[in-house]
Amino acid sequence: MPSRTLLTSASLSDAALLTHTEQGRDRPLLVWAPGPGVRMVSSAVLGGGIGERQWVINAQVPPGYDRLDPVAHLRDLAAGAGLVGAGVGFMTAASVADRCHAEDGGVRAVVTAGIGVRGWAAAPGEGGVAIPRPGTINIIVSLPVPLTDAALVNAVATATEAKVQALVELGADASGTPTDAVCVAAPSPTGSAAEPFAGPRSLWGARLARAVHAATRAACADLIAAEAAKPADGPPPVTYASIASL
């Protein structure tokens, strides 16, 4: 379990790096606890959907993680960190300690990345149930202004577009990994004062896109460069060109 503590920080840039023990080894646990008064939209395994959330954790797990109770596991990790109330929980086998931050106009993004298992979203073949595996890009974003429900959903799309842009620019020839997850946090609206748009050409969507783009590039650049330096091994990866030719 992580070191027990009570952490409250309004700023995502002040997220704390704790540890938890898994398979006999200490592993990083990123904790951001902005407290009450925050709404989040997320695709994470714990706390997904839209609603009031008080914290976010991103837990590094071993490669080949095979527990069938990730939600219960994340709840235990959150409780061990002294977190209470509803929250969002991510898992990844990628290095959480190597998280990358970016900020643009008050929007902050934190990205952890593993890209060993990646491809294009519209690849041929049937999908299946996704269980957290190595090769995950987890994105956490905070905005200083309230967003409507529609704008929160729009913000997830904008963050995803920015992630894909960063990967393509780095030469990854992929739109992401099968287990990528995202969380966008914003203050809870008071009355009718909430931003209605978060697309990439809206004021706050553009800032979000630039922050996510910069953090994703920083998190993935060395991984892609190291992979490119390795000799080719095995069958060629599924690329956009190979999909288009089918």
C-alpha atoms as a PDB file:
ATOM      1  CA  MET A   1       0.000   0.000   0.000  1.00  0.00           C
ATOM      2  CA  PRO A   2       1.166   3.583  -0.550  1.00  0.00           C
ATOM      3  CA  SER A   3       2.408   5.724   2.264  1.00  0.00           C
ATOM      4  CA  ARG A   4      -0.701   6.997   4.040  1.00  0.00           C
ATOM      5  CA  THR A   5      -1.146  10.719   3.645  1.00  0.00           C
ATOM      6  CA  LEU A   6      -3.760  13.382   3.054  1.00  0.00           C
ATOM      7  CA  LEU A   7      -2.971  15.358  -0.063  1.00  0.00           C
ATOM      8  CA  THR A   8      -4.843  18.371  -1.333  1.00  0.00           C
ATOM      9  CA  SER A   9      -3.585  20.443  -4.251  1.00  0.00           C
ATOM     10  CA  ALA A  10      -5.634  22.589  -6.577  1.00  0.00           C
ATOM     11  CA  SER A  11      -2.887  22.552  -9.205  1.00  0.00           C
ATOM     12  CA  LEU A  12      -2.263  19.472 -11.323  1.00  0.00           C
ATOM     13  CA  SER A  13       1.397  20.487 -11.502  1.00  0.00           C
ATOM     14  CA  ASP A  14       1.634  19.707  -7.773  1.00  0.00           C
ATOM     15  CA  ALA A  15       0.443  16.100  -8.108  1.00  0.00           C
ATOM     16  CA  ALA A  16       2.414  13.932  -5.674  1.00  0.00           C
ATOM     17  CA  LEU A  17       4.420  10.825  -6.519  1.00  0.00           C
ATOM     18  CA  LEU A  18       3.901   8.155  -3.851  1.00  0.00           C
ATOM     19  CA  THR A  19       4.680   4.431  -3.913  1.00  0.00           C
ATOM     20  CA  HIS A  20       2.706   1.238  -3.545  1.00  0.00           C
ATOM     21  CA  THR A  21       3.890  -2.356  -3.323  1.00  0.00           C
ATOM     22  CA  GLU A  22       2.957  -4.804  -6.051  1.00  0.00           C
ATOM     23  CA  GLN A  23       4.505  -8.265  -6.484  1.00  0.00           C
ATOM     24  CA  GLY A  24       7.075  -7.505  -3.826  1.00  0.00           C
ATOM     25  CA  ARG A  25       8.340  -4.260  -5.402  1.00  0.00           C
ATOM     26  CA  ASP A  26       7.704  -0.587  -4.748  1.00  0.00           C
ATOM     27  CA  ARG A  27       6.036   1.050  -7.741  1.00  0.00           C
ATOM     28  CA  PRO A  28       5.053   4.687  -8.393  1.00  0.00           C
ATOM     29  CA  LEU A  29       1.593   6.028  -7.681  1.00  0.00           C
ATOM     30  CA  LEU A  30       0.744   9.502  -8.982  1.00  0.00           C
ATOM     31  CA  VAL A  31      -1.849  11.286  -6.828  1.00  0.00           C
ATOM     32  CA  TRP A  32      -3.690  14.520  -7.573  1.00  0.00           C
ATOM     33  CA  ALA A  33      -6.320  15.556  -5.045  1.00  0.00           C
ATOM     34  CA  PRO A  34      -7.980  18.888  -5.904  1.00  0.00           C
ATOM     35  CA  GLY A  35     -10.735  18.205  -3.367  1.00  0.00           C
ATOM     36  CA  PRO A  36     -14.459  18.994  -3.695  1.00  0.00           C
ATOM     37  CA  GLY A  37     -15.963  21.368  -6.234  1.00  0.00           C
ATOM     38  CA  VAL A  38     -14.444  19.689  -9.305  1.00  0.00           C
ATOM     39  CA  ARG A  39     -16.230  17.855 -12.115  1.00  0.00           C
ATOM     40  CA  MET A  40     -14.394  15.327 -14.227  1.00  0.00           C
ATOM     41  CA  VAL A  41     -15.070  13.373 -17.371  1.00  0.00           C
ATOM     42  CA  SER A  42     -13.034  10.228 -17.794  1.00  0.00           C
ATOM     43  CA  SER A  43     -12.681   6.921 -19.591  1.00  0.00           C
ATOM     44  CA  ALA A  44     -10.592   5.477 -16.745  1.00  0.00           C
ATOM     45  CA  VAL A  45     -11.367   2.048 -15.305  1.00  0.00           C
ATOM     46  CA  LEU A  46     -12.368   3.635 -11.970  1.00  0.00           C
ATOM     47  CA  GLY A  47     -14.605   6.699 -11.813  1.00  0.00           C
ATOM     48  CA  GLY A  48     -15.351   6.899 -15.517  1.00  0.00           C
ATOM     49  CA  GLY A  49     -18.148   9.034 -16.941  1.00  0.00           C
ATOM     50  CA  ILE A  50     -19.065  12.572 -15.861  1.00  0.00           C
ATOM     51  CA  GLY A  51     -19.482  13.648 -12.263  1.00  0.00           C
ATOM     52  CA  GLU A  52     -18.041  15.254  -9.171  1.00  0.00           C
ATOM     53  CA  ARG A  53     -14.660  13.724  -8.363  1.00  0.00           C
ATOM     54  CA  GLN A  54     -12.197  14.668  -5.623  1.00  0.00           C
ATOM     55  CA  TRP A  55      -9.001  12.956  -6.746  1.00  0.00           C
ATOM     56  CA  VAL A  56      -7.140  11.158  -9.526  1.00  0.00           C
ATOM     57  CA  ILE A  57      -4.577   8.369  -9.167  1.00  0.00           C
ATOM     58  CA  ASN A  58      -2.368   6.816 -11.832  1.00  0.00           C
ATOM     59  CA  ALA A  59      -0.878   3.542 -10.587  1.00  0.00           C
ATOM     60  CA  GLN A  60       2.043   1.789 -12.214  1.00  0.00           C
ATOM     61  CA  VAL A  61       1.543  -1.974 -12.300  1.00  0.00           C
ATOM     62  CA  PRO A  62       3.863  -4.769 -13.458  1.00  0.00           C
ATOM     63  CA  PRO A  63       4.013  -5.814 -17.115  1.00  0.00           C
ATOM     64  CA  GLY A  64       1.620  -8.706 -17.603  1.00  0.00           C
ATOM     65  CA  TYR A  65      -0.708  -7.429 -14.878  1.00  0.00           C
ATOM     66  CA  ASP A  66      -3.411 -10.086 -14.692  1.00  0.00           C
ATOM     67  CA  ARG A  67      -5.638  -9.199 -11.757  1.00  0.00           C
ATOM     68  CA  LEU A  68      -9.304  -9.401 -12.665  1.00  0.00           C
ATOM     69  CA  ASP A  69     -10.379  -6.791 -10.102  1.00  0.00           C
ATOM     70  CA  PRO A  70      -8.691  -3.545 -11.234  1.00  0.00           C
ATOM     71  CA  VAL A  71     -11.504  -1.364  -9.859  1.00  0.00           C
ATOM     72  CA  ALA A  72     -11.216  -2.891  -6.383  1.00  0.00           C
ATOM     73  CA  HIS A  73      -7.442  -2.700  -6.611  1.00  0.00           C
ATOM     74  CA  LEU A  74      -7.514   1.005  -7.435  1.00  0.00           C
ATOM     75  CA  ARG A  75      -9.986   1.694  -4.634  1.00  0.00           C
ATOM     76  CA  ASP A  76      -7.627  -0.017  -2.207  1.00  0.00           C
ATOM     77  CA  LEU A  77      -4.698   2.074  -3.445  1.00  0.00           C
ATOM     78  CA  ALA A  78      -6.716   5.274  -3.080  1.00  0.00           C
ATOM     79  CA  ALA A  79      -7.794   4.362   0.447  1.00  0.00           C
ATOM     80  CA  GLY A  80      -4.215   3.542   1.341  1.00  0.00           C
ATOM     81  CA  ALA A  81      -3.199   7.029   0.202  1.00  0.00           C
ATOM     82  CA  GLY A  82      -5.783   8.569   2.517  1.00  0.00           C
ATOM     83  CA  LEU A  83      -8.116   9.603  -0.297  1.00  0.00           C
ATOM     84  CA  VAL A  84     -11.838   9.772   0.429  1.00  0.00           C
ATOM     85  CA  GLY A  85     -14.939  10.309  -1.671  1.00  0.00           C
ATOM     86  CA  ALA A  86     -15.319   9.620  -5.383  1.00  0.00           C
ATOM     87  CA  GLY A  87     -12.293   9.708  -7.664  1.00  0.00           C
ATOM     88  CA  VAL A  88     -10.728   8.553 -10.917  1.00  0.00           C
ATOM     89  CA  GLY A  89      -8.218   5.702 -11.146  1.00  0.00           C
ATOM     90  CA  PHE A  90      -5.834   4.837 -13.976  1.00  0.00           C
ATOM     91  CA  MET A  91      -3.456   1.897 -14.361  1.00  0.00           C
ATOM     92  CA  THR A  92      -0.424   1.523 -16.582  1.00  0.00           C
ATOM     93  CA  ALA A  93       2.703  -0.585 -16.941  1.00  0.00           C
ATOM     94  CA  ALA A  94       4.453   2.494 -18.345  1.00  0.00           C
ATOM     95  CA  SER A  95       6.768   4.530 -16.138  1.00  0.00           C
ATOM     96  CA  VAL A  96       4.643   6.810 -13.965  1.00  0.00           C
ATOM     97  CA  ALA A  97       7.779   8.412 -12.535  1.00  0.00           C
ATOM     98  CA  ASP A  98       8.607   9.674 -16.051  1.00  0.00           C
ATOM     99  CA  ARG A  99       5.380  11.674 -16.276  1.00  0.00           C
ATOM    100  CA  CYS A 100       5.519  14.815 -18.426  1.00  0.00           C
ATOM    101  CA  HIS A 101       3.812  18.130 -17.682  1.00  0.00           C
ATOM    102  CA  ALA A 102       2.762  20.975 -19.984  1.00  0.00           C
ATOM    103  CA  GLU A 103       0.783  24.175 -19.456  1.00  0.00           C
ATOM    104  CA  ASP A 104      -0.900  26.605 -21.811  1.00  0.00           C
ATOM    105  CA  GLY A 105      -2.947  29.604 -20.728  1.00  0.00           C
ATOM    106  CA  GLY A 106      -3.971  28.053 -17.420  1.00  0.00           C
ATOM    107  CA  VAL A 107      -4.690  24.581 -18.814  1.00  0.00           C
ATOM    108  CA  ARG A 108      -2.390  21.884 -17.429  1.00  0.00           C
ATOM    109  CA  ALA A 109      -1.749  18.391 -18.740  1.00  0.00           C
ATOM    110  CA  VAL A 110       0.135  15.405 -17.333  1.00  0.00           C
ATOM    111  CA  VAL A 111       0.893  12.421 -19.549  1.00  0.00           C
ATOM    112  CA  THR A 112       2.396   9.019 -18.805  1.00  0.00           C
ATOM    113  CA  ALA A 113       3.201   6.925 -21.830  1.00  0.00           C
ATOM    114  CA  GLY A 114       4.068   3.461 -22.989  1.00  0.00           C
ATOM    115  CA  ILE A 115       3.846   2.781 -26.710  1.00  0.00           C
ATOM    116  CA  GLY A 116       5.006  -0.808 -27.039  1.00  0.00           C
ATOM    117  CA  VAL A 117       1.468  -1.907 -27.978  1.00  0.00           C
ATOM    118  CA  ARG A 118       0.076   0.596 -30.431  1.00  0.00           C
ATOM    119  CA  GLY A 119      -1.730   0.897 -33.750  1.00  0.00           C
ATOM    120  CA  TRP A 120      -4.461   2.704 -35.631  1.00  0.00           C
ATOM    121  CA  ALA A 121      -7.948   2.851 -34.190  1.00  0.00           C
ATOM    122  CA  ALA A 122      -9.621   1.613 -37.404  1.00  0.00           C
ATOM    123  CA  ALA A 123      -7.458  -1.500 -37.734  1.00  0.00           C
ATOM    124  CA  PRO A 124      -8.972  -4.628 -39.318  1.00  0.00           C
ATOM    125  CA  GLY A 125     -10.254  -7.459 -37.143  1.00  0.00           C
ATOM    126  CA  GLU A 126     -12.589  -7.722 -34.206  1.00  0.00           C
ATOM    127  CA  GLY A 127     -12.004  -6.001 -30.906  1.00  0.00           C
ATOM    128  CA  GLY A 128     -12.241  -7.492 -27.437  1.00  0.00           C
ATOM    129  CA  VAL A 129     -12.457  -6.552 -23.781  1.00  0.00           C
ATOM    130  CA  ALA A 130      -9.503  -4.338 -22.900  1.00  0.00           C
ATOM    131  CA  ILE A 131      -7.639  -5.094 -19.667  1.00  0.00           C
ATOM    132  CA  PRO A 132      -4.855  -2.702 -18.585  1.00  0.00           C
ATOM    133  CA  ARG A 133      -1.624  -3.803 -20.309  1.00  0.00           C
ATOM    134  CA  PRO A 134       1.795  -2.338 -21.060  1.00  0.00           C
ATOM    135  CA  GLY A 135       1.674   0.344 -23.699  1.00  0.00           C
ATOM    136  CA  THR A 136      -0.830   2.852 -22.367  1.00  0.00           C
ATOM    137  CA  ILE A 137      -0.985   6.635 -22.787  1.00  0.00           C
ATOM    138  CA  ASN A 138      -2.802   8.144 -19.808  1.00  0.00           C
ATOM    139  CA  ILE A 139      -3.753  11.819 -20.061  1.00  0.00           C
ATOM    140  CA  ILE A 140      -4.913  14.001 -17.170  1.00  0.00           C
ATOM    141  CA  VAL A 141      -5.968  17.584 -17.910  1.00  0.00           C
ATOM    142  CA  SER A 142      -7.174  20.401 -15.659  1.00  0.00           C
ATOM    143  CA  LEU A 143      -8.883  23.612 -16.731  1.00  0.00           C
ATOM    144  CA  PRO A 144      -9.461  26.681 -14.548  1.00  0.00           C
ATOM    145  CA  VAL A 145     -12.980  27.319 -15.896  1.00  0.00           C
ATOM    146  CA  PRO A 146     -16.236  25.330 -15.632  1.00  0.00           C
ATOM    147  CA  LEU A 147     -17.426  23.382 -18.683  1.00  0.00           C
ATOM    148  CA  THR A 148     -20.888  22.167 -19.647  1.00  0.00           C
ATOM    149  CA  ASP A 149     -21.429  18.427 -20.083  1.00  0.00           C
ATOM    150  CA  ALA A 150     -21.154  18.828 -23.838  1.00  0.00           C
ATOM    151  CA  ALA A 151     -17.916  20.799 -23.515  1.00  0.00           C
ATOM    152  CA  LEU A 152     -16.449  18.138 -21.208  1.00  0.00           C
ATOM    153  CA  VAL A 153     -17.123  15.488 -23.845  1.00  0.00           C
ATOM    154  CA  ASN A 154     -15.736  17.826 -26.496  1.00  0.00           C
ATOM    155  CA  ALA A 155     -12.607  18.273 -24.365  1.00  0.00           C
ATOM    156  CA  VAL A 156     -11.978  14.508 -24.400  1.00  0.00           C
ATOM    157  CA  ALA A 157     -12.186  14.520 -28.202  1.00  0.00           C
ATOM    158  CA  THR A 158      -9.839  17.511 -28.400  1.00  0.00           C
ATOM    159  CA  ALA A 159      -7.316  15.857 -26.069  1.00  0.00           C
ATOM    160  CA  THR A 160      -7.429  12.711 -28.194  1.00  0.00           C
ATOM    161  CA  GLU A 161      -6.882  14.670 -31.411  1.00  0.00           C
ATOM    162  CA  ALA A 162      -3.887  16.416 -29.837  1.00  0.00           C
ATOM    163  CA  LYS A 163      -2.437  13.082 -28.714  1.00  0.00           C
ATOM    164  CA  VAL A 164      -2.752  11.638 -32.218  1.00  0.00           C
ATOM    165  CA  GLN A 165      -1.153  14.754 -33.717  1.00  0.00           C
ATOM    166  CA  ALA A 166       1.845  14.363 -31.401  1.00  0.00           C
ATOM    167  CA  LEU A 167       2.254  10.674 -32.258  1.00  0.00           C
ATOM    168  CA  VAL A 168       2.078  11.269 -35.994  1.00  0.00           C
ATOM    169  CA  GLU A 169       4.563  14.150 -35.787  1.00  0.00           C
ATOM    170  CA  LEU A 170       6.973  11.867 -33.915  1.00  0.00           C
ATOM    171  CA  GLY A 171       6.668   9.200 -36.614  1.00  0.00           C
ATOM    172  CA  ALA A 172       4.818   6.623 -34.502  1.00  0.00           C
ATOM    173  CA  ASP A 173       2.456   5.689 -37.382  1.00  0.00           C
ATOM    174  CA  ALA A 174      -0.320   5.059 -34.842  1.00  0.00           C
ATOM    175  CA  SER A 175      -3.321   6.784 -33.340  1.00  0.00           C
ATOM    176  CA  GLY A 176      -2.641   5.443 -29.868  1.00  0.00           C
ATOM    177  CA  THR A 177      -2.675   2.216 -27.877  1.00  0.00           C
ATOM    178  CA  PRO A 178      -5.636  -0.096 -27.192  1.00  0.00           C
ATOM    179  CA  THR A 179      -5.832   0.957 -23.533  1.00  0.00           C
ATOM    180  CA  ASP A 180      -5.326   4.738 -23.665  1.00  0.00           C
ATOM    181  CA  ALA A 181      -7.368   6.658 -21.104  1.00  0.00           C
ATOM    182  CA  VAL A 182      -8.126  10.311 -20.439  1.00  0.00           C
ATOM    183  CA  CYS A 183      -9.482  12.483 -17.647  1.00  0.00           C
ATOM    184  CA  VAL A 184     -10.480  16.154 -17.957  1.00  0.00           C
ATOM    185  CA  ALA A 185     -11.173  18.135 -14.778  1.00  0.00           C
ATOM    186  CA  ALA A 186     -12.823  21.534 -14.414  1.00  0.00           C
ATOM    187  CA  PRO A 187     -14.458  23.504 -11.607  1.00  0.00           C
ATOM    188  CA  SER A 188     -18.096  22.670 -10.954  1.00  0.00           C
ATOM    189  CA  PRO A 189     -20.404  25.253 -12.588  1.00  0.00           C
ATOM    190  CA  THR A 190     -22.159  27.809 -10.442  1.00  0.00           C
ATOM    191  CA  GLY A 191     -25.457  28.861 -11.947  1.00  0.00           C
ATOM    192  CA  SER A 192     -25.188  29.104 -15.739  1.00  0.00           C
ATOM    193  CA  ALA A 193     -21.554  30.197 -15.837  1.00  0.00           C
ATOM    194  CA  ALA A 194     -19.944  27.361 -17.820  1.00  0.00           C
ATOM    195  CA  GLU A 195     -17.987  27.339 -21.060  1.00  0.00           C
ATOM    196  CA  PRO A 196     -20.113  25.709 -23.790  1.00  0.00           C
ATOM    197  CA  PHE A 197     -17.263  24.747 -26.144  1.00  0.00           C
ATOM    198  CA  ALA A 198     -13.944  22.893 -25.880  1.00  0.00           C
ATOM    199  CA  GLY A 199     -13.196  22.108 -29.507  1.00  0.00           C
ATOM    200  CA  PRO A 200      -9.697  22.781 -30.823  1.00  0.00           C
ATOM    201  CA  ARG A 201     -10.609  26.236 -32.163  1.00  0.00           C
ATOM    202  CA  SER A 202     -12.404  27.446 -29.054  1.00  0.00           C
ATOM    203  CA  LEU A 203     -10.390  29.477 -26.547  1.00  0.00           C
ATOM    204  CA  TRP A 204     -10.102  26.785 -23.889  1.00  0.00           C
ATOM    205  CA  GLY A 205     -10.084  23.860 -26.286  1.00  0.00           C
ATOM    206  CA  ALA A 206      -7.127  25.337 -28.153  1.00  0.00           C
ATOM    207  CA  ARG A 207      -5.220  25.741 -24.904  1.00  0.00           C
ATOM    208  CA  LEU A 208      -6.096  22.202 -23.884  1.00  0.00           C
ATOM    209  CA  ALA A 209      -4.958  20.862 -27.250  1.00  0.00           C
ATOM    210  CA  ARG A 210      -1.591  22.622 -27.037  1.00  0.00           C
ATOM    211  CA  ALA A 211      -0.990  21.434 -23.468  1.00  0.00           C
ATOM    212  CA  VAL A 212      -1.857  17.804 -24.267  1.00  0.00           C
ATOM    213  CA  HIS A 213       0.139  17.917 -27.496  1.00  0.00           C
ATOM    214  CA  ALA A 214       3.247  19.216 -25.723  1.00  0.00           C
ATOM    215  CA  ALA A 215       2.998  16.744 -22.835  1.00  0.00           C
ATOM    216  CA  THR A 216       2.380  13.788 -25.174  1.00  0.00           C
ATOM    217  CA  ARG A 217       5.332  14.714 -27.368  1.00  0.00           C
ATOM    218  CA  ALA A 218       7.571  15.016 -24.332  1.00  0.00           C
ATOM    219  CA  ALA A 219       6.372  11.679 -22.922  1.00  0.00           C
ATOM    220  CA  CYS A 220       6.706   9.751 -26.195  1.00  0.00           C
ATOM    221  CA  ALA A 221       9.687  11.294 -27.988  1.00  0.00           C
ATOM    222  CA  ASP A 222      12.442   9.281 -26.296  1.00  0.00           C
ATOM    223  CA  LEU A 223      10.381   6.071 -26.422  1.00  0.00           C
ATOM    224  CA  ILE A 224       9.869   6.369 -30.174  1.00  0.00           C
ATOM    225  CA  ALA A 225      13.497   7.342 -30.795  1.00  0.00           C
ATOM    226  CA  ALA A 226      14.752   4.360 -28.787  1.00  0.00           C
ATOM    227  CA  GLU A 227      12.418   2.018 -30.618  1.00  0.00           C
ATOM    228  CA  ALA A 228      13.513   3.365 -33.999  1.00  0.00           C
ATOM    229  CA  ALA A 229      17.136   2.667 -33.090  1.00  0.00           C
ATOM    230  CA  LYS A 230      16.476  -1.030 -32.484  1.00  0.00           C
ATOM    231  CA  PRO A 231      16.925  -3.546 -35.336  1.00  0.00           C
ATOM    232  CA  ALA A 232      13.709  -4.727 -36.978  1.00  0.00           C
ATOM    233  CA  ASP A 233      12.308  -7.880 -35.397  1.00  0.00           C
ATOM    234  CA  GLY A 234       9.181  -9.831 -36.237  1.00  0.00           C
ATOM    235  CA  PRO A 235       6.358  -8.926 -38.634  1.00  0.00           C
ATOM    236  CA  PRO A 236       5.905  -5.301 -39.715  1.00  0.00           C
ATOM    237  CA  PRO A 237       3.573  -3.177 -37.568  1.00  0.00           C
ATOM    238  CA  VAL A 238       0.046  -2.359 -38.690  1.00  0.00           C
ATOM    239  CA  THR A 239       0.386   1.065 -40.323  1.00  0.00           C
ATOM    240  CA  TYR A 240      -2.080   3.532 -41.750  1.00  0.00           C
ATOM    241  CA  ALA A 241      -0.835   2.701 -45.244  1.00  0.00           C
ATOM    242  CA  SER A 242      -1.327  -1.040 -44.749  1.00  0.00           C
ATOM    243  CA  ILE A 243      -4.883  -0.518 -43.472  1.00  0.00           C
ATOM    244  CA  ALA A 244      -5.739   1.769 -46.375  1.00  0.00           C
ATOM    245  CA  SER A 245      -4.573  -0.869 -48.852  1.00  0.00           C
ATOM    246  CA  LEU A 246      -6.967  -3.533 -47.549  1.00  0.00           C
END
